[in-house]
Amino acid sequence: MLNKVSQLIRTIAYLLLLAGLLSLACARQASAPPDDPALTLPPPVPTAEPAATAVRPTQQATASGPAPVAEPTAVSYDSNRTMFRIWHGLDHPSETTLDALADTEKYLDKSQVIVILEALKFFRNLDAARQSIKTLTALTGQDFDLDRRLWREWVGPRMDEYAPPSDYPRWKVDSLAVIDPAIGAILEPGITRSRVDLTEVVWGGVRLDGIPPLEQPPHILPEQATWLWPGDRVFGVSINGEHRAYPLRIMNAHELANDVLGGEPISLVY
């Protein structure tokens, strides 16, 4: 009987001890701070940045459905744009000229031949001048170095093959206006309705009215012109029975004479 009582007491004591331990564990768990996810979860796996993609412009949607995607277009070669990049004004950058000449040679743009020849007189940069000759040789197969007269004599009869770009009249008038605004003003109407081939208009080396004309020059009898030699050339003019000779030696210095002969006003140009 005593053995059973002592066994019961030990069992009760064991159960009480077990209950106390369970209570202590629950109390500690309740007082502990919550776990930090940053400390308990595995670190995130780094991912690669998405590659940059070209965004194509889109049009607005229509009632019939989504708008088609506009495909990007490449910039095409433009002869007119290249012409103005070769030269357009006294402050034109030499770097732009060199780039334009390189494009001209790359695309074998023969329409720039006359443009380059006319721009040569404005180039102050020796590299631009030399590159111009290199480009002209590539386009024509000729090499007259910096002799613009020989170049023009060769290109002149071949203008069908070397016709300039469509905006050449505007470029030409702007170029001559740099020399003298009055020259540009005279040629301005020719941009839209010229009866003159502007490729044949060449600057003579002076500004407008830079050479004074002969205005109503005095006349003497032939026997009084003792300063003339027998072989001297003259321009002979006859109008309404009146005759006059204008010595080339004098006309050469003035290039223009305005006079009245036989009752008619005349202009003699040399």
Foldseek 3Di string as FASTA:
>chain_A
DVVVVVVVVVVVVVVVVVVVVVVVVVVVVVPDDDDDCVVVPDDDDDDDDDDDDDDFDFDCQDPVGGTDTDDDDDDDDDQVVLLVQLDFDLPRDLVSNLVSLVVCLVVLQLLCLLSLLQCLVSDPDVVSLQSSQVSNCSNPVDGPRNPSVVSCVVCVVVCVVHHHDLQVLVRLLSVVVNVPVVSSVVCVVVSVDNPDDSSPDDDPPAYVCRAPAAEADDDDDPVVPPVDDPPFDWDWDADLRWIDTHTPVVCVRRQWHWHATNNRTDIHGD
